Amino acid sequence: FSVHGLPSFADLAVDVGGYRFQTRQRLPADLVGSALKLPTQCYDWECAAKCEGTTCYVVKDAFGNNAGYATAIETMLGQVEAAGGPGRQVHLAARLTSIEAAPAAGRAASR
């Protein structure tokens, strides 16, 4: 996971655990590069195949800093909340009790 908002380091993301990915790792590569279109950069400065025999990439922010591996999850969460419409949000650790079709809007409503 990524830690953001550290005192005196507002723009720093600290990744705990793995934060790089390879293009042969289909889920993270397709999610980050294709679906979410997040900016990436080579993990090492030479951009050479020195990462388990291939090239590794990391997610970057608008300034070229490491954005953190959680950026993909945070981006998807933002998209889910935006798709829910005004006043809707995702409640983490909440029990889902039902899913119903929303009237006329064609979207599912959940409780």
Foldseek 3Di string as FASTA:
>chain_A
DWDADDVVCRQDIDEDPDFKDFVVPPPVNCLCCPVQNFDKDWPDPVQACPDVRRTIIGGADPVRHGNTNCPSVVSVQVVVQVVVPPPDHDDPPDDWDDWAQDPPPRDIDTD
